[in-house]
Amino acid sequence: MYRFLLTPRWWGINVFVALSIPVCLFMGSWQLSRFEDRVQDHEDAKRQATTSTDRARPLTSLLPVDKKTSGEKATATGSWGKQLLVPDRELDEKSGYYVLTMLDTADGKALPVVRGWLPGSADKNKAPAPPKGEVTVTGTLQASESLSSQGVTKAGGLPSGQVGMISAASLVNLVPDDVYDAWVTLDRGGKSAAGLKPVPASAPEDSGLDMKAFQNLGYTGEWFVFAGFVLFMWFRLFRREREFARDAELGLVPEAAPEPVPNAVPDTN
């Protein structure tokens, strides 16, 4: 009854199924591991952004900024330089702007420092000026922003003295010195000008539960469904073929009717 499994057609079907199911299971497991990695990165970023370390380290020892160093406490020494405003930033569900001041360090590079946040529309007259002289700042290290960063709504076409993103690429033409490809937000417990509200650190990019994470979860389900569909179709074909073979053994399969012979055309000659 099962001799049909030895036919070339069923050899091809069996080989296809034997290869397809492991591939589908492997791809589903890989997509699931990608989702779990993103969840772990999200949890690590939240814990790192909300937990302060006991000891701050020099800025240069934490560069370049990555997922591990983002959120670490950094210190830098220099003098305050050019001050800019970063509009359209929300804090505690209120609209306002960052006060971004460049810290000119001894190595000739400028470090963007968010000294705090003010409510309302960006107004340089309301932003307090930084103190004179050499200062040492301690704050939370952050990676440069990009167009996809949360909260960034404008990247160009801003009035003089304003910038849409906190990144070396957007600041290079606004300040005379080279700019670090990172920025620092002052500690909540640090000294800040009157009226400035400290800005909490944010999680690094590509570490949150964004659409990519849920796409990985969706792809996981799709691959497992594909594996189940392949197995379901194999059993369906197997059952149909088995029933056909059983009917043939019992003589229940009607013989194919002979093809009709076309009428002979009479010879008129």
Protein backbone atom coordinates (compact mmCIF):
# COMPACT_ATOMS: atom_id res chain seq x y z
CA MET A 1 0.00 0.00 0.00
CA TYR A 2 2.88 2.36 0.72
CA ARG A 3 4.96 1.51 -2.33
CA PHE A 4 4.07 4.92 -3.77
CA LEU A 5 6.57 6.43 -1.28
CA LEU A 6 9.36 4.90 -3.38
CA THR A 7 8.35 6.67 -6.57
CA PRO A 8 10.56 9.56 -7.85
CA ARG A 9 7.72 12.00 -7.22
CA TRP A 10 7.51 11.12 -3.53
CA TRP A 11 11.28 11.05 -3.18
CA GLY A 12 11.27 14.67 -4.29
CA ILE A 13 8.43 15.54 -1.91
CA ASN A 14 10.12 13.86 1.05
CA VAL A 15 13.47 15.54 0.40
CA PHE A 16 11.78 18.92 0.12
CA VAL A 17 9.93 18.41 3.42
CA ALA A 18 13.03 17.05 5.17
CA LEU A 19 14.97 20.20 4.20
CA SER A 20 12.19 22.77 4.59
CA ILE A 21 11.15 22.00 8.17
CA PRO A 22 14.64 22.35 9.74
CA VAL A 23 15.23 25.55 7.76
CA CYS A 24 11.92 27.03 8.95
CA LEU A 25 12.62 26.04 12.57
CA PHE A 26 16.14 27.47 12.40
CA MET A 27 14.96 30.78 10.93
CA GLY A 28 12.15 31.02 13.48
CA SER A 29 14.55 30.37 16.34
CA TRP A 30 16.99 32.95 14.96
CA GLN A 31 14.28 35.61 14.70
CA LEU A 32 13.17 34.79 18.25
CA SER A 33 16.74 35.20 19.50
CA ARG A 34 16.91 38.59 17.75
CA PHE A 35 13.74 39.67 19.56
CA GLU A 36 15.11 38.46 22.90
CA ASP A 37 18.36 40.37 22.28
CA ARG A 38 16.43 43.58 21.63
CA VAL A 39 14.38 43.07 24.79
CA GLN A 40 17.58 42.53 26.78
CA ASP A 41 19.19 45.62 25.24
CA HIS A 42 16.08 47.60 26.14
CA GLU A 43 16.19 46.44 29.75
CA ASP A 44 19.92 47.11 30.01
CA ALA A 45 19.51 50.59 28.53
CA LYS A 46 16.72 51.46 30.95
CA ARG A 47 18.69 50.19 33.91
CA GLN A 48 21.81 52.04 32.77
CA ALA A 49 19.92 55.28 32.16
CA THR A 50 18.22 55.27 35.56
CA THR A 51 21.06 53.90 37.70
CA SER A 52 23.92 56.24 38.48
CA THR A 53 27.40 54.83 38.89
CA ASP A 54 29.45 55.54 41.98
CA ARG A 55 32.42 56.90 40.10
CA ALA A 56 32.59 59.10 37.02
CA ARG A 57 35.33 58.43 34.49
CA PRO A 58 37.18 60.80 32.16
CA LEU A 59 35.36 61.46 28.91
CA THR A 60 38.18 60.19 26.70
CA SER A 61 38.14 56.77 28.42
CA LEU A 62 34.50 56.24 27.41
CA LEU A 63 34.86 57.06 23.71
CA PRO A 64 33.65 56.04 21.23
CA VAL A 65 30.15 55.86 22.65
CA ASP A 66 28.35 52.56 22.22
CA LYS A 67 25.53 50.68 23.94
CA LYS A 68 27.81 49.83 26.86
CA THR A 69 29.25 53.29 27.52
CA SER A 70 26.09 55.25 26.74
CA GLY A 71 24.59 56.25 30.09
CA GLU A 72 27.91 56.14 31.94
CA LYS A 73 29.02 59.07 34.09
CA ALA A 74 31.69 61.17 32.40
CA THR A 75 33.80 64.13 33.51
CA ALA A 76 35.47 66.77 31.39
CA THR A 77 37.32 69.99 32.13
CA GLY A 78 37.34 73.17 30.08
CA SER A 79 35.72 76.53 29.67
CA TRP A 80 32.25 77.31 28.40
CA GLY A 81 32.04 78.43 24.78
CA LYS A 82 29.25 78.94 22.26
CA GLN A 83 25.70 78.42 23.47
CA LEU A 84 22.90 77.06 21.29
CA LEU A 85 19.26 76.16 21.74
CA VAL A 86 17.66 72.85 20.71
CA PRO A 87 13.93 73.50 20.13
CA ASP A 88 10.94 71.17 20.18
CA ARG A 89 12.03 68.96 23.06
CA GLU A 90 9.52 67.50 25.48
CA LEU A 91 10.07 66.91 29.17
CA ASP A 92 7.38 65.72 31.58
CA GLU A 93 4.88 65.95 28.69
CA LYS A 94 5.59 69.65 28.24
CA SER A 95 7.09 71.31 25.17
CA GLY A 96 10.28 73.28 25.53
CA TYR A 97 13.92 73.42 24.47
CA TYR A 98 17.39 72.38 25.57
CA VAL A 99 20.10 74.82 26.50
CA LEU A 100 23.17 73.38 24.80
CA THR A 101 26.55 74.89 25.69
CA MET A 102 29.86 73.85 24.18
CA LEU A 103 32.64 73.00 26.63
CA ASP A 104 35.98 73.90 25.04
CA THR A 105 38.43 71.31 26.35
CA ALA A 106 42.25 71.47 26.51
CA ASP A 107 42.63 69.02 23.60
CA GLY A 108 41.10 71.53 21.20
CA LYS A 109 37.75 69.78 20.83
CA ALA A 110 34.36 70.97 22.00
CA LEU A 111 32.00 68.81 24.04
CA PRO A 112 28.25 69.50 23.67
CA VAL A 113 26.73 69.78 27.15
CA VAL A 114 22.98 70.01 27.76
CA ARG A 115 22.89 72.22 30.83
CA GLY A 116 19.12 71.93 31.17
CA TRP A 117 15.64 72.41 29.74
CA LEU A 118 13.30 75.39 29.63
CA PRO A 119 9.58 75.41 28.76
CA GLY A 120 8.03 77.26 25.84
CA SER A 121 9.48 78.39 22.53
CA ALA A 122 13.23 78.67 22.15
CA ASP A 123 14.36 82.12 23.31
CA LYS A 124 18.05 82.94 23.74
CA ASN A 125 17.16 85.85 26.03
CA LYS A 126 15.64 83.45 28.57
CA ALA A 127 18.52 80.96 28.49
CA PRO A 128 20.99 81.76 31.32
CA ALA A 129 24.56 82.40 30.26
CA PRO A 130 27.23 79.94 31.43
CA PRO A 131 29.74 80.99 34.10
CA LYS A 132 33.20 82.28 33.21
CA GLY A 133 36.45 80.48 33.87
CA GLU A 134 37.53 76.86 33.91
CA VAL A 135 34.96 74.32 35.04
CA THR A 136 34.75 70.57 35.48
CA VAL A 137 31.43 69.06 34.48
CA THR A 138 30.05 65.67 35.41
CA GLY A 139 27.14 64.24 33.49
CA THR A 140 25.65 61.30 31.67
CA LEU A 141 27.28 60.40 28.38
CA GLN A 142 25.02 60.12 25.34
CA ALA A 143 25.58 59.07 21.74
CA SER A 144 25.10 61.57 18.93
CA GLU A 145 21.54 61.89 17.74
CA SER A 146 20.26 61.07 14.29
CA LEU A 147 17.15 61.94 12.29
CA SER A 148 15.44 58.84 13.67
CA SER A 149 16.12 59.78 17.29
CA GLN A 150 13.12 60.19 19.53
CA GLY A 151 12.11 63.79 20.00
CA VAL A 152 14.03 65.16 17.02
CA THR A 153 11.52 66.99 14.86
CA LYS A 154 13.70 69.48 12.99
CA ALA A 155 17.09 69.03 11.40
CA GLY A 156 17.44 72.22 9.38
CA GLY A 157 15.92 75.58 8.51
CA LEU A 158 16.21 76.86 12.09
CA PRO A 159 16.93 80.43 13.20
CA SER A 160 20.46 81.48 14.04
CA GLY A 161 21.60 80.13 17.39
CA GLN A 162 19.46 76.98 17.18
CA VAL A 163 20.24 73.42 16.12
CA GLY A 164 17.90 70.50 15.49
CA MET A 165 20.14 67.60 16.46
CA ILE A 166 22.88 67.14 19.00
CA SER A 167 25.57 65.61 16.84
CA ALA A 168 29.00 66.43 15.50
CA ALA A 169 27.61 66.54 11.96
CA SER A 170 25.07 69.25 12.80
CA LEU A 171 27.43 71.27 15.01
CA VAL A 172 30.58 71.23 12.91
CA ASN A 173 29.56 74.36 10.97
CA LEU A 174 28.26 76.22 14.02
CA VAL A 175 31.27 76.10 16.33
CA PRO A 176 34.91 76.96 15.54
CA ASP A 177 36.47 73.85 17.10
CA ASP A 178 36.18 70.16 16.30
CA VAL A 179 33.27 68.54 18.10
CA TYR A 180 33.17 65.27 20.01
CA ASP A 181 30.85 62.72 18.48
CA ALA A 182 28.98 62.53 21.80
CA TRP A 183 27.25 64.81 24.29
CA VAL A 184 26.66 65.04 28.02
CA THR A 185 23.58 65.93 30.02
CA LEU A 186 24.33 67.36 33.46
CA ASP A 187 23.45 65.30 36.52
CA ARG A 188 20.25 65.96 38.38
CA GLY A 189 22.29 66.66 41.47
CA GLY A 190 24.80 68.83 39.66
CA LYS A 191 25.00 72.59 39.76
CA SER A 192 22.88 74.24 37.10
CA ALA A 193 21.69 77.73 36.40
CA ALA A 194 18.49 78.94 38.01
CA GLY A 195 15.39 77.92 36.07
CA LEU A 196 17.08 75.14 34.08
CA LYS A 197 15.55 71.74 34.61
CA PRO A 198 17.99 68.79 34.35
CA VAL A 199 17.42 66.55 31.34
CA PRO A 200 17.34 62.81 32.13
CA ALA A 201 19.47 60.47 30.08
CA SER A 202 17.78 58.61 27.28
CA ALA A 203 18.32 55.06 26.10
CA PRO A 204 20.76 54.62 23.20
CA GLU A 205 19.38 54.14 19.73
CA ASP A 206 18.51 50.62 18.49
CA SER A 207 18.11 49.41 22.06
CA GLY A 208 14.40 49.95 22.53
CA LEU A 209 11.33 47.88 21.69
CA ASP A 210 10.77 49.57 18.34
CA MET A 211 9.00 48.24 15.27
CA LYS A 212 12.07 46.20 14.32
CA ALA A 213 11.78 44.22 17.54
CA PHE A 214 8.13 43.38 16.91
CA GLN A 215 8.96 42.57 13.28
CA ASN A 216 11.40 39.96 14.59
CA LEU A 217 8.61 38.53 16.75
CA GLY A 218 6.23 38.49 13.78
CA TYR A 219 8.80 36.77 11.56
CA THR A 220 9.26 34.16 14.31
CA GLY A 221 5.59 33.24 14.12
CA GLU A 222 5.64 33.21 10.32
CA TRP A 223 8.55 30.77 10.11
CA PHE A 224 6.94 28.38 12.60
CA VAL A 225 3.66 28.61 10.68
CA PHE A 226 5.54 27.76 7.46
CA ALA A 227 7.00 24.67 9.13
CA GLY A 228 3.55 23.57 10.28
CA PHE A 229 2.07 24.25 6.83
CA VAL A 230 4.72 22.10 5.10
CA LEU A 231 4.03 19.24 7.52
CA PHE A 232 0.27 19.63 7.10
CA MET A 233 0.50 19.50 3.28
CA TRP A 234 2.73 16.40 3.45
CA PHE A 235 0.19 14.52 5.57
CA ARG A 236 -2.63 15.66 3.33
CA LEU A 237 -0.86 14.41 0.19
CA PHE A 238 0.14 11.20 1.98
CA ARG A 239 -3.42 10.47 3.08
CA ARG A 240 -4.83 11.12 -0.38
CA GLU A 241 -2.21 8.91 -2.01
CA ARG A 242 -2.77 6.14 0.55
CA GLU A 243 -6.53 6.18 -0.04
CA PHE A 244 -5.99 6.06 -3.79
CA ALA A 245 -3.62 3.07 -3.45
CA ARG A 246 -6.09 1.25 -1.17
CA ASP A 247 -8.96 1.82 -3.62
CA ALA A 248 -6.76 0.56 -6.44
CA GLU A 249 -6.02 -2.67 -4.52
CA LEU A 250 -9.74 -3.21 -3.91
CA GLY A 251 -10.52 -2.59 -7.55
CA LEU A 252 -12.56 0.49 -6.75
CA VAL A 253 -10.65 2.71 -9.13
CA PRO A 254 -12.45 2.74 -12.49
CA GLU A 255 -10.36 1.89 -15.48
CA ALA A 256 -9.70 4.71 -17.82
CA ALA A 257 -12.13 4.66 -20.74
CA PRO A 258 -10.51 4.13 -24.11
CA GLU A 259 -10.12 7.22 -26.19
CA PRO A 260 -12.76 7.44 -28.97
CA VAL A 261 -11.47 6.62 -32.42
CA PRO A 262 -12.26 9.40 -34.87
CA ASN A 263 -14.60 8.45 -37.68
CA ALA A 264 -12.80 7.45 -40.80
CA VAL A 265 -13.17 9.95 -43.58
CA PRO A 266 -14.66 8.13 -46.57
CA ASP A 267 -12.53 8.10 -49.68
CA THR A 268 -14.41 9.95 -52.33
CA ASN A 269 -11.94 9.09 -55.07
